[in-house]
Amino acid sequence: MTDPVTAAAVDRAREAIDRKIRLVPDFPEPGIAFKDLTPVLADPEGLAAIVAALADFCRGADLIAGLDARGFLLGGAVAAELGVGVVAVRKGGKLPPPVIGIDYELEYGRARLEVPAEGLDLRGKRIAVTDDVLATGGTAVAAGALLRDAGAQVHSIAVIMELAGMPGRSVVRDGLGADVPVRTVCEG
């Protein structure tokens, strides 16, 4: 059963997305309809609705992890809403050493994610991972694996939009386990 507070927050966020999302045909390539959430996040009511929904999804986490780069916006706002800290999970090469990092495969190549190895003790912390979109799931799984390598427990994956027809949810389940819930505001 869905919590009524969460259901109301998700309904408000979905309404804001429906009002403000920008659809861009043939981007990044012909046949793709890009769903731009920028206008939703720029709208104060839309941003507040999305942050409230994601915060409800992340309730119970000790820290919120925001994925480079749009996840930084969401992670910071969700952490502030919940009164917890935020961890920036950075793209490789953006942090001074030492770092804890993980290399992973993308549909178009390889990438790396990193967190500081010093000055930030993640051991035993329950961390919710936030981002804007879940598509193939590779970045979410890599972030979860990185946080586990740092000694944390992955509380959940919380995103605004899960792209329809993409394997993200099953990739996260296979890569992080069925005990890590994937929570999304809407499907697009």
N, C-alpha and C. Protein backbone atom coordinates (compact mmCIF):
# COMPACT_ATOMS: atom_id res chain seq x y z
N MET A 1 0.84 -1.18 0.00
CA MET A 1 0.00 0.00 0.00
C MET A 1 0.89 1.25 0.00
N THR A 2 0.54 2.23 -0.79
CA THR A 2 1.30 3.46 -0.88
C THR A 2 0.93 4.40 0.25
N ASP A 3 1.94 5.00 0.86
CA ASP A 3 1.73 5.98 1.91
C ASP A 3 0.97 7.17 1.33
N PRO A 4 -0.10 7.65 2.00
CA PRO A 4 -0.89 8.76 1.44
C PRO A 4 -0.10 10.05 1.27
N VAL A 5 0.89 10.30 2.15
CA VAL A 5 1.72 11.50 2.02
C VAL A 5 2.55 11.40 0.74
N THR A 6 3.17 10.25 0.54
CA THR A 6 3.97 10.05 -0.66
C THR A 6 3.10 10.13 -1.91
N ALA A 7 1.93 9.51 -1.88
CA ALA A 7 1.04 9.52 -3.05
C ALA A 7 0.65 10.95 -3.41
N ALA A 8 0.34 11.77 -2.44
CA ALA A 8 -0.03 13.16 -2.71
C ALA A 8 1.15 13.94 -3.26
N ALA A 9 2.34 13.73 -2.72
CA ALA A 9 3.54 14.41 -3.21
C ALA A 9 3.85 14.00 -4.64
N VAL A 10 3.72 12.72 -4.93
CA VAL A 10 3.98 12.23 -6.29
C VAL A 10 2.95 12.80 -7.26
N ASP A 11 1.69 12.86 -6.85
CA ASP A 11 0.65 13.44 -7.72
C ASP A 11 0.97 14.89 -8.06
N ARG A 12 1.38 15.68 -7.07
CA ARG A 12 1.74 17.09 -7.32
C ARG A 12 2.94 17.18 -8.27
N ALA A 13 3.93 16.32 -8.06
CA ALA A 13 5.12 16.34 -8.91
C ALA A 13 4.75 15.94 -10.35
N ARG A 14 3.92 14.93 -10.51
CA ARG A 14 3.51 14.52 -11.86
C ARG A 14 2.74 15.64 -12.56
N GLU A 15 1.89 16.33 -11.84
CA GLU A 15 1.15 17.46 -12.43
C GLU A 15 2.11 18.54 -12.90
N ALA A 16 3.13 18.84 -12.10
CA ALA A 16 4.12 19.84 -12.48
C ALA A 16 4.90 19.40 -13.71
N ILE A 17 5.25 18.13 -13.77
CA ILE A 17 5.96 17.60 -14.93
C ILE A 17 5.09 17.71 -16.17
N ASP A 18 3.84 17.31 -16.06
CA ASP A 18 2.93 17.39 -17.21
C ASP A 18 2.79 18.83 -17.72
N ARG A 19 2.78 19.80 -16.79
CA ARG A 19 2.62 21.21 -17.17
C ARG A 19 3.87 21.80 -17.82
N LYS A 20 5.06 21.39 -17.35
CA LYS A 20 6.28 22.12 -17.69
C LYS A 20 7.31 21.36 -18.54
N ILE A 21 7.19 20.05 -18.68
CA ILE A 21 8.22 19.31 -19.41
C ILE A 21 8.29 19.79 -20.86
N ARG A 22 9.50 19.81 -21.38
CA ARG A 22 9.72 20.22 -22.78
C ARG A 22 10.13 18.97 -23.56
N LEU A 23 9.41 18.67 -24.62
CA LEU A 23 9.74 17.53 -25.47
C LEU A 23 10.52 18.04 -26.67
N VAL A 24 11.67 17.44 -26.90
CA VAL A 24 12.55 17.85 -27.99
C VAL A 24 12.67 16.69 -28.98
N PRO A 25 12.03 16.81 -30.15
CA PRO A 25 12.09 15.71 -31.12
C PRO A 25 13.48 15.57 -31.74
N ASP A 26 13.82 14.33 -32.04
CA ASP A 26 15.06 14.00 -32.75
C ASP A 26 16.32 14.47 -32.03
N PHE A 27 16.31 14.38 -30.72
CA PHE A 27 17.51 14.69 -29.95
C PHE A 27 17.72 13.60 -28.91
N PRO A 28 18.90 13.07 -28.75
CA PRO A 28 20.17 13.45 -29.36
C PRO A 28 20.41 12.88 -30.75
N GLU A 29 19.45 12.09 -31.23
CA GLU A 29 19.57 11.55 -32.59
C GLU A 29 18.17 11.36 -33.16
N PRO A 30 18.06 11.23 -34.47
CA PRO A 30 16.73 11.06 -35.09
C PRO A 30 15.96 9.89 -34.48
N GLY A 31 14.68 10.14 -34.25
CA GLY A 31 13.81 9.10 -33.69
C GLY A 31 13.69 9.13 -32.18
N ILE A 32 14.56 9.89 -31.52
CA ILE A 32 14.52 10.00 -30.06
C ILE A 32 13.75 11.27 -29.70
N ALA A 33 12.83 11.15 -28.76
CA ALA A 33 12.12 12.32 -28.24
C ALA A 33 12.67 12.61 -26.85
N PHE A 34 13.55 13.60 -26.75
CA PHE A 34 14.20 13.95 -25.50
C PHE A 34 13.20 14.64 -24.58
N LYS A 35 13.17 14.21 -23.33
CA LYS A 35 12.28 14.80 -22.33
C LYS A 35 13.10 15.69 -21.42
N ASP A 36 13.01 17.00 -21.63
CA ASP A 36 13.81 17.98 -20.91
C ASP A 36 13.08 18.41 -19.64
N LEU A 37 13.64 18.07 -18.49
CA LEU A 37 13.06 18.42 -17.20
C LEU A 37 13.50 19.79 -16.71
N THR A 38 14.39 20.46 -17.43
CA THR A 38 14.89 21.77 -17.01
C THR A 38 13.78 22.77 -16.70
N PRO A 39 12.75 22.91 -17.57
CA PRO A 39 11.68 23.87 -17.24
C PRO A 39 10.91 23.50 -15.97
N VAL A 40 10.80 22.23 -15.68
CA VAL A 40 10.10 21.80 -14.46
C VAL A 40 10.91 22.21 -13.23
N LEU A 41 12.22 22.00 -13.29
CA LEU A 41 13.09 22.34 -12.16
C LEU A 41 13.25 23.85 -12.00
N ALA A 42 13.09 24.60 -13.08
CA ALA A 42 13.19 26.06 -13.01
C ALA A 42 11.93 26.70 -12.44
N ASP A 43 10.84 25.97 -12.44
CA ASP A 43 9.57 26.46 -11.90
C ASP A 43 9.55 26.21 -10.39
N PRO A 44 9.37 27.26 -9.56
CA PRO A 44 9.43 27.05 -8.11
C PRO A 44 8.44 26.00 -7.59
N GLU A 45 7.23 26.00 -8.11
CA GLU A 45 6.24 25.01 -7.67
C GLU A 45 6.62 23.61 -8.15
N GLY A 46 7.12 23.52 -9.38
CA GLY A 46 7.54 22.23 -9.91
C GLY A 46 8.71 21.65 -9.13
N LEU A 47 9.70 22.49 -8.85
CA LEU A 47 10.86 22.04 -8.08
C LEU A 47 10.42 21.60 -6.68
N ALA A 48 9.59 22.39 -6.04
CA ALA A 48 9.14 22.03 -4.69
C ALA A 48 8.38 20.71 -4.68
N ALA A 49 7.54 20.48 -5.68
CA ALA A 49 6.77 19.23 -5.76
C ALA A 49 7.69 18.04 -5.98
N ILE A 50 8.66 18.19 -6.87
CA ILE A 50 9.59 17.09 -7.14
C ILE A 50 10.45 16.80 -5.91
N VAL A 51 10.95 17.83 -5.28
CA VAL A 51 11.78 17.63 -4.08
C VAL A 51 10.97 16.95 -2.98
N ALA A 52 9.72 17.36 -2.80
CA ALA A 52 8.88 16.73 -1.77
C ALA A 52 8.67 15.24 -2.06
N ALA A 53 8.41 14.91 -3.32
CA ALA A 53 8.20 13.50 -3.67
C ALA A 53 9.49 12.69 -3.47
N LEU A 54 10.61 13.21 -3.95
CA LEU A 54 11.87 12.49 -3.78
C LEU A 54 12.25 12.37 -2.31
N ALA A 55 11.98 13.42 -1.53
CA ALA A 55 12.28 13.36 -0.10
C ALA A 55 11.46 12.26 0.59
N ASP A 56 10.20 12.14 0.21
CA ASP A 56 9.38 11.06 0.77
C ASP A 56 9.98 9.70 0.41
N PHE A 57 10.48 9.55 -0.83
CA PHE A 57 11.10 8.29 -1.25
C PHE A 57 12.36 7.99 -0.44
N CYS A 58 13.09 9.04 -0.04
CA CYS A 58 14.39 8.88 0.60
C CYS A 58 14.33 8.90 2.13
N ARG A 59 13.14 9.10 2.68
CA ARG A 59 12.99 9.18 4.13
C ARG A 59 13.60 7.94 4.79
N GLY A 60 14.38 8.16 5.83
CA GLY A 60 15.05 7.07 6.54
C GLY A 60 16.51 6.94 6.17
N ALA A 61 16.96 7.65 5.14
CA ALA A 61 18.38 7.63 4.76
C ALA A 61 19.16 8.55 5.67
N ASP A 62 20.42 8.21 5.91
CA ASP A 62 21.31 9.06 6.70
C ASP A 62 21.92 10.18 5.86
N LEU A 63 22.13 9.89 4.58
CA LEU A 63 22.72 10.84 3.63
C LEU A 63 22.03 10.67 2.29
N ILE A 64 22.09 11.72 1.48
CA ILE A 64 21.58 11.66 0.12
C ILE A 64 22.76 11.80 -0.82
N ALA A 65 22.87 10.92 -1.79
CA ALA A 65 23.92 11.01 -2.80
C ALA A 65 23.31 11.58 -4.08
N GLY A 66 23.93 12.63 -4.59
CA GLY A 66 23.50 13.21 -5.86
C GLY A 66 24.51 12.84 -6.93
N LEU A 67 24.02 12.33 -8.06
CA LEU A 67 24.91 11.91 -9.13
C LEU A 67 25.24 13.07 -10.05
N ASP A 68 26.50 13.17 -10.40
CA ASP A 68 27.02 14.21 -11.29
C ASP A 68 26.28 14.16 -12.62
N ALA A 69 25.61 15.22 -13.04
CA ALA A 69 25.58 16.55 -12.46
C ALA A 69 24.17 16.94 -12.04
N ARG A 70 23.14 16.55 -12.77
CA ARG A 70 21.78 16.98 -12.40
C ARG A 70 21.36 16.42 -11.04
N GLY A 71 21.88 15.28 -10.68
CA GLY A 71 21.59 14.73 -9.36
C GLY A 71 22.09 15.59 -8.22
N PHE A 72 23.11 16.45 -8.49
CA PHE A 72 23.58 17.39 -7.46
C PHE A 72 22.45 18.33 -7.05
N LEU A 73 21.72 18.85 -8.06
CA LEU A 73 20.62 19.77 -7.78
C LEU A 73 19.58 19.09 -6.88
N LEU A 74 19.21 17.89 -7.28
CA LEU A 74 18.18 17.16 -6.56
C LEU A 74 18.66 16.69 -5.19
N GLY A 75 19.86 16.13 -5.16
CA GLY A 75 20.39 15.60 -3.91
C GLY A 75 20.49 16.65 -2.83
N GLY A 76 20.99 17.82 -3.18
CA GLY A 76 21.12 18.90 -2.20
C GLY A 76 19.77 19.35 -1.67
N ALA A 77 18.82 19.50 -2.58
CA ALA A 77 17.48 19.94 -2.17
C ALA A 77 16.78 18.90 -1.31
N VAL A 78 16.90 17.63 -1.70
CA VAL A 78 16.27 16.55 -0.92
C VAL A 78 16.92 16.46 0.46
N ALA A 79 18.25 16.55 0.51
CA ALA A 79 18.95 16.50 1.80
C ALA A 79 18.50 17.63 2.71
N ALA A 80 18.39 18.84 2.16
CA ALA A 80 17.93 19.98 2.96
C ALA A 80 16.51 19.76 3.47
N GLU A 81 15.66 19.21 2.62
CA GLU A 81 14.27 18.93 3.01
C GLU A 81 14.22 17.93 4.17
N LEU A 82 15.11 16.94 4.15
CA LEU A 82 15.11 15.89 5.17
C LEU A 82 15.99 16.22 6.38
N GLY A 83 16.79 17.27 6.28
CA GLY A 83 17.68 17.62 7.39
C GLY A 83 18.85 16.66 7.53
N VAL A 84 19.33 16.14 6.40
CA VAL A 84 20.49 15.25 6.39
C VAL A 84 21.54 15.84 5.45
N GLY A 85 22.70 15.22 5.40
CA GLY A 85 23.77 15.69 4.53
C GLY A 85 23.66 15.15 3.13
N VAL A 86 24.49 15.71 2.26
CA VAL A 86 24.52 15.30 0.85
C VAL A 86 25.94 14.91 0.47
N VAL A 87 26.05 13.90 -0.39
CA VAL A 87 27.32 13.44 -0.93
C VAL A 87 27.27 13.61 -2.43
N ALA A 88 28.25 14.31 -2.98
CA ALA A 88 28.35 14.46 -4.43
C ALA A 88 29.14 13.29 -4.99
N VAL A 89 28.48 12.46 -5.81
CA VAL A 89 29.16 11.37 -6.50
C VAL A 89 29.61 11.95 -7.83
N ARG A 90 30.93 12.16 -7.96
CA ARG A 90 31.49 12.91 -9.07
C ARG A 90 31.94 12.02 -10.23
N LYS A 91 31.96 12.61 -11.41
CA LYS A 91 32.58 11.96 -12.56
C LYS A 91 34.08 11.90 -12.29
N GLY A 92 34.72 10.90 -12.87
CA GLY A 92 36.15 10.69 -12.65
C GLY A 92 37.00 11.91 -12.97
N GLY A 93 38.03 12.13 -12.15
CA GLY A 93 38.99 13.19 -12.39
C GLY A 93 38.59 14.55 -11.85
N LYS A 94 37.46 14.67 -11.16
CA LYS A 94 36.99 15.97 -10.65
C LYS A 94 37.38 16.22 -9.20
N LEU A 95 37.82 15.17 -8.49
CA LEU A 95 38.16 15.29 -7.08
C LEU A 95 39.67 15.15 -6.88
N PRO A 96 40.22 15.83 -5.87
CA PRO A 96 41.63 15.62 -5.55
C PRO A 96 41.82 14.25 -4.90
N PRO A 97 42.98 13.64 -5.11
CA PRO A 97 43.23 12.34 -4.47
C PRO A 97 43.39 12.50 -2.97
N PRO A 98 43.20 11.43 -2.24
CA PRO A 98 42.80 10.10 -2.68
C PRO A 98 41.28 9.99 -2.86
N VAL A 99 40.88 9.12 -3.74
CA VAL A 99 39.46 8.89 -4.00
C VAL A 99 39.17 7.39 -3.98
N ILE A 100 37.90 7.09 -3.82
CA ILE A 100 37.40 5.74 -4.04
C ILE A 100 36.64 5.84 -5.36
N GLY A 101 36.99 5.01 -6.32
CA GLY A 101 36.38 5.13 -7.63
C GLY A 101 35.93 3.79 -8.18
N ILE A 102 35.09 3.88 -9.19
CA ILE A 102 34.63 2.69 -9.89
C ILE A 102 34.49 3.02 -11.37
N ASP A 103 35.02 2.13 -12.19
CA ASP A 103 34.86 2.24 -13.64
C ASP A 103 33.69 1.36 -14.05
N TYR A 104 32.92 1.83 -15.04
CA TYR A 104 31.77 1.05 -15.49
C TYR A 104 31.51 1.31 -16.96
N GLU A 105 30.73 0.40 -17.54
CA GLU A 105 30.40 0.46 -18.96
C GLU A 105 29.11 1.25 -19.17
N LEU A 106 29.13 2.07 -20.20
CA LEU A 106 27.94 2.76 -20.67
C LEU A 106 27.61 2.22 -22.05
N GLU A 107 26.43 2.55 -22.54
CA GLU A 107 26.05 2.07 -23.87
C GLU A 107 26.96 2.64 -24.95
N TYR A 108 27.69 3.70 -24.65
CA TYR A 108 28.54 4.35 -25.64
C TYR A 108 30.01 4.43 -25.22
N GLY A 109 30.41 3.68 -24.21
CA GLY A 109 31.80 3.70 -23.78
C GLY A 109 31.95 3.37 -22.31
N ARG A 110 33.02 3.90 -21.72
CA ARG A 110 33.31 3.69 -20.31
C ARG A 110 33.22 5.01 -19.56
N ALA A 111 32.97 4.91 -18.26
CA ALA A 111 32.93 6.09 -17.42
C ALA A 111 33.46 5.71 -16.04
N ARG A 112 33.63 6.73 -15.21
CA ARG A 112 34.13 6.52 -13.85
C ARG A 112 33.39 7.45 -12.90
N LEU A 113 33.08 6.93 -11.72
CA LEU A 113 32.50 7.72 -10.64
C LEU A 113 33.45 7.66 -9.44
N GLU A 114 33.46 8.76 -8.65
CA GLU A 114 34.36 8.83 -7.51
C GLU A 114 33.72 9.57 -6.34
N VAL A 115 34.18 9.23 -5.14
CA VAL A 115 33.90 9.98 -3.91
C VAL A 115 35.23 10.13 -3.17
N PRO A 116 35.34 11.12 -2.29
CA PRO A 116 36.59 11.28 -1.53
C PRO A 116 36.86 10.06 -0.65
N ALA A 117 38.14 9.69 -0.56
CA ALA A 117 38.54 8.58 0.31
C ALA A 117 38.88 9.07 1.71
N GLU A 118 39.06 10.39 1.86
CA GLU A 118 39.39 10.96 3.17
C GLU A 118 38.43 12.10 3.48
N GLY A 119 38.20 12.32 4.77
CA GLY A 119 37.38 13.44 5.20
C GLY A 119 35.88 13.18 5.12
N LEU A 120 35.51 12.02 4.67
CA LEU A 120 34.10 11.67 4.50
C LEU A 120 33.94 10.19 4.83
N ASP A 121 33.43 9.90 6.03
CA ASP A 121 33.29 8.51 6.46
C ASP A 121 31.88 8.02 6.13
N LEU A 122 31.78 7.17 5.14
CA LEU A 122 30.48 6.64 4.71
C LEU A 122 30.16 5.29 5.33
N ARG A 123 31.09 4.72 6.07
CA ARG A 123 30.89 3.38 6.63
C ARG A 123 29.64 3.31 7.50
N GLY A 124 28.78 2.34 7.16
CA GLY A 124 27.57 2.10 7.93
C GLY A 124 26.42 3.06 7.65
N LYS A 125 26.63 4.06 6.82
CA LYS A 125 25.58 5.04 6.52
C LYS A 125 24.59 4.46 5.51
N ARG A 126 23.31 4.76 5.71
CA ARG A 126 22.26 4.41 4.74
C ARG A 126 22.14 5.59 3.79
N ILE A 127 22.46 5.34 2.51
CA ILE A 127 22.52 6.43 1.54
C ILE A 127 21.51 6.20 0.43
N ALA A 128 20.67 7.21 0.19
CA ALA A 128 19.72 7.19 -0.93
C ALA A 128 20.39 7.91 -2.11
N VAL A 129 20.33 7.30 -3.27
CA VAL A 129 20.93 7.84 -4.49
C VAL A 129 19.85 8.57 -5.28
N THR A 130 20.11 9.83 -5.65
CA THR A 130 19.14 10.61 -6.41
C THR A 130 19.72 11.02 -7.76
N ASP A 131 18.83 11.05 -8.76
CA ASP A 131 19.21 11.52 -10.09
C ASP A 131 17.94 11.94 -10.81
N ASP A 132 18.10 12.51 -12.00
CA ASP A 132 16.93 12.97 -12.73
C ASP A 132 16.25 11.87 -13.51
N VAL A 133 17.03 11.02 -14.20
CA VAL A 133 16.44 10.02 -15.09
C VAL A 133 17.10 8.66 -14.88
N LEU A 134 16.30 7.62 -14.93
CA LEU A 134 16.78 6.24 -14.94
C LEU A 134 16.51 5.69 -16.33
N ALA A 135 17.57 5.32 -17.03
CA ALA A 135 17.43 4.78 -18.40
C ALA A 135 18.00 3.35 -18.43
N THR A 136 19.29 3.23 -18.69
CA THR A 136 19.89 1.90 -18.77
C THR A 136 20.22 1.32 -17.41
N GLY A 137 20.34 2.18 -16.39
CA GLY A 137 20.62 1.72 -15.03
C GLY A 137 22.09 1.60 -14.70
N GLY A 138 22.97 1.74 -15.68
CA GLY A 138 24.40 1.55 -15.45
C GLY A 138 25.00 2.53 -14.44
N THR A 139 24.63 3.78 -14.54
CA THR A 139 25.18 4.78 -13.62
C THR A 139 24.65 4.56 -12.21
N ALA A 140 23.38 4.23 -12.07
CA ALA A 140 22.82 3.97 -10.74
C ALA A 140 23.49 2.77 -10.08
N VAL A 141 23.72 1.71 -10.85
CA VAL A 141 24.39 0.52 -10.30
C VAL A 141 25.83 0.86 -9.91
N ALA A 142 26.52 1.60 -10.76
CA ALA A 142 27.90 1.98 -10.45
C ALA A 142 27.95 2.82 -9.19
N ALA A 143 27.04 3.78 -9.05
CA ALA A 143 27.00 4.61 -7.85
C ALA A 143 26.74 3.77 -6.61
N GLY A 144 25.80 2.84 -6.70
CA GLY A 144 25.51 1.97 -5.57
C GLY A 144 26.71 1.11 -5.21
N ALA A 145 27.37 0.55 -6.21
CA ALA A 145 28.56 -0.27 -5.95
C ALA A 145 29.68 0.57 -5.34
N LEU A 146 29.86 1.79 -5.82
CA LEU A 146 30.87 2.69 -5.26
C LEU A 146 30.58 2.99 -3.80
N LEU A 147 29.34 3.31 -3.49
CA LEU A 147 28.98 3.60 -2.10
C LEU A 147 29.18 2.37 -1.21
N ARG A 148 28.87 1.21 -1.73
CA ARG A 148 29.12 -0.02 -0.96
C ARG A 148 30.62 -0.23 -0.76
N ASP A 149 31.42 0.05 -1.79
CA ASP A 149 32.88 -0.06 -1.65
C ASP A 149 33.39 0.87 -0.55
N ALA A 150 32.71 1.99 -0.34
CA ALA A 150 33.07 2.95 0.70
C ALA A 150 32.51 2.55 2.06
N GLY A 151 31.79 1.43 2.12
CA GLY A 151 31.26 0.92 3.38
C GLY A 151 29.83 1.30 3.69
N ALA A 152 29.15 1.95 2.76
CA ALA A 152 27.77 2.38 2.99
C ALA A 152 26.78 1.30 2.58
N GLN A 153 25.56 1.50 3.01
CA GLN A 153 24.42 0.67 2.60
C GLN A 153 23.58 1.52 1.65
N VAL A 154 23.17 0.95 0.52
CA VAL A 154 22.33 1.69 -0.42
C VAL A 154 20.89 1.58 0.06
N HIS A 155 20.33 2.70 0.48
CA HIS A 155 18.97 2.78 1.01
C HIS A 155 17.95 2.64 -0.11
N SER A 156 18.16 3.37 -1.22
CA SER A 156 17.22 3.37 -2.34
C SER A 156 17.82 4.15 -3.50
N ILE A 157 17.19 3.99 -4.65
CA ILE A 157 17.47 4.80 -5.84
C ILE A 157 16.19 5.60 -6.07
N ALA A 158 16.29 6.93 -6.11
CA ALA A 158 15.13 7.79 -6.29
C ALA A 158 15.38 8.75 -7.45
N VAL A 159 14.53 8.68 -8.47
CA VAL A 159 14.70 9.52 -9.66
C VAL A 159 13.37 10.17 -10.03
N ILE A 160 13.47 11.22 -10.81
CA ILE A 160 12.25 11.87 -11.29
C ILE A 160 11.56 11.00 -12.32
N MET A 161 12.30 10.59 -13.36
CA MET A 161 11.66 9.91 -14.49
C MET A 161 12.39 8.62 -14.85
N GLU A 162 11.61 7.57 -15.03
CA GLU A 162 12.13 6.31 -15.55
C GLU A 162 11.70 6.22 -17.01
N LEU A 163 12.67 6.05 -17.90
CA LEU A 163 12.34 6.01 -19.32
C LEU A 163 11.71 4.68 -19.69
N ALA A 164 10.54 4.75 -20.32
CA ALA A 164 9.80 3.56 -20.73
C ALA A 164 10.61 2.78 -21.77
N GLY A 165 10.52 1.49 -21.69
CA GLY A 165 11.19 0.63 -22.65
C GLY A 165 12.67 0.46 -22.40
N MET A 166 13.19 1.04 -21.34
CA MET A 166 14.61 0.91 -21.00
C MET A 166 14.75 -0.07 -19.84
N PRO A 167 15.91 -0.71 -19.73
CA PRO A 167 16.07 -1.78 -18.72
C PRO A 167 16.51 -1.32 -17.34
N GLY A 168 16.49 -0.01 -17.07
CA GLY A 168 17.07 0.52 -15.84
C GLY A 168 16.67 -0.19 -14.57
N ARG A 169 15.39 -0.38 -14.36
CA ARG A 169 14.91 -1.00 -13.12
C ARG A 169 15.45 -2.42 -12.95
N SER A 170 15.41 -3.21 -14.00
CA SER A 170 15.90 -4.59 -13.89
C SER A 170 17.42 -4.62 -13.75
N VAL A 171 18.13 -3.69 -14.38
CA VAL A 171 19.58 -3.62 -14.24
C VAL A 171 19.94 -3.28 -12.80
N VAL A 172 19.22 -2.34 -12.19
CA VAL A 172 19.47 -2.00 -10.79
C VAL A 172 19.18 -3.21 -9.90
N ARG A 173 18.07 -3.88 -10.13
CA ARG A 173 17.74 -5.07 -9.32
C ARG A 173 18.83 -6.13 -9.45
N ASP A 174 19.27 -6.38 -10.68
CA ASP A 174 20.31 -7.40 -10.90
C ASP A 174 21.66 -6.96 -10.33
N GLY A 175 21.97 -5.67 -10.43
CA GLY A 175 23.28 -5.18 -10.00
C GLY A 175 23.39 -4.87 -8.53
N LEU A 176 22.31 -4.43 -7.90
CA LEU A 176 22.36 -4.04 -6.49
C LEU A 176 21.52 -4.92 -5.59
N GLY A 177 20.63 -5.72 -6.17
CA GLY A 177 19.79 -6.61 -5.37
C GLY A 177 18.37 -6.11 -5.27
N ALA A 178 17.47 -7.05 -5.09
CA ALA A 178 16.04 -6.73 -5.02
C ALA A 178 15.69 -5.96 -3.75
N ASP A 179 16.59 -5.92 -2.77
CA ASP A 179 16.31 -5.21 -1.53
C ASP A 179 16.56 -3.70 -1.64
N VAL A 180 17.08 -3.24 -2.78
CA VAL A 180 17.29 -1.81 -3.00
C VAL A 180 16.10 -1.31 -3.84
N PRO A 181 15.18 -0.58 -3.21
CA PRO A 181 14.01 -0.12 -3.97
C PRO A 181 14.38 0.97 -4.97
N VAL A 182 13.74 0.90 -6.12
CA VAL A 182 13.84 1.93 -7.15
C VAL A 182 12.53 2.70 -7.13
N ARG A 183 12.61 3.98 -6.82
CA ARG A 183 11.41 4.80 -6.69
C ARG A 183 11.46 5.93 -7.70
N THR A 184 10.40 6.06 -8.47
CA THR A 184 10.36 7.07 -9.53
C THR A 184 9.06 7.87 -9.43
N VAL A 185 9.15 9.15 -9.81
CA VAL A 185 7.97 10.00 -9.81
C VAL A 185 7.07 9.66 -11.00
N CYS A 186 7.68 9.46 -12.17
CA CYS A 186 6.87 9.18 -13.36
C CYS A 186 7.66 8.36 -14.36
N GLU A 187 6.95 7.88 -15.36
CA GLU A 187 7.56 7.16 -16.48
C GLU A 187 7.42 8.03 -17.71
N GLY A 188 8.45 8.05 -18.50
CA GLY A 188 8.39 8.89 -19.70
C GLY A 188 8.91 8.21 -20.93
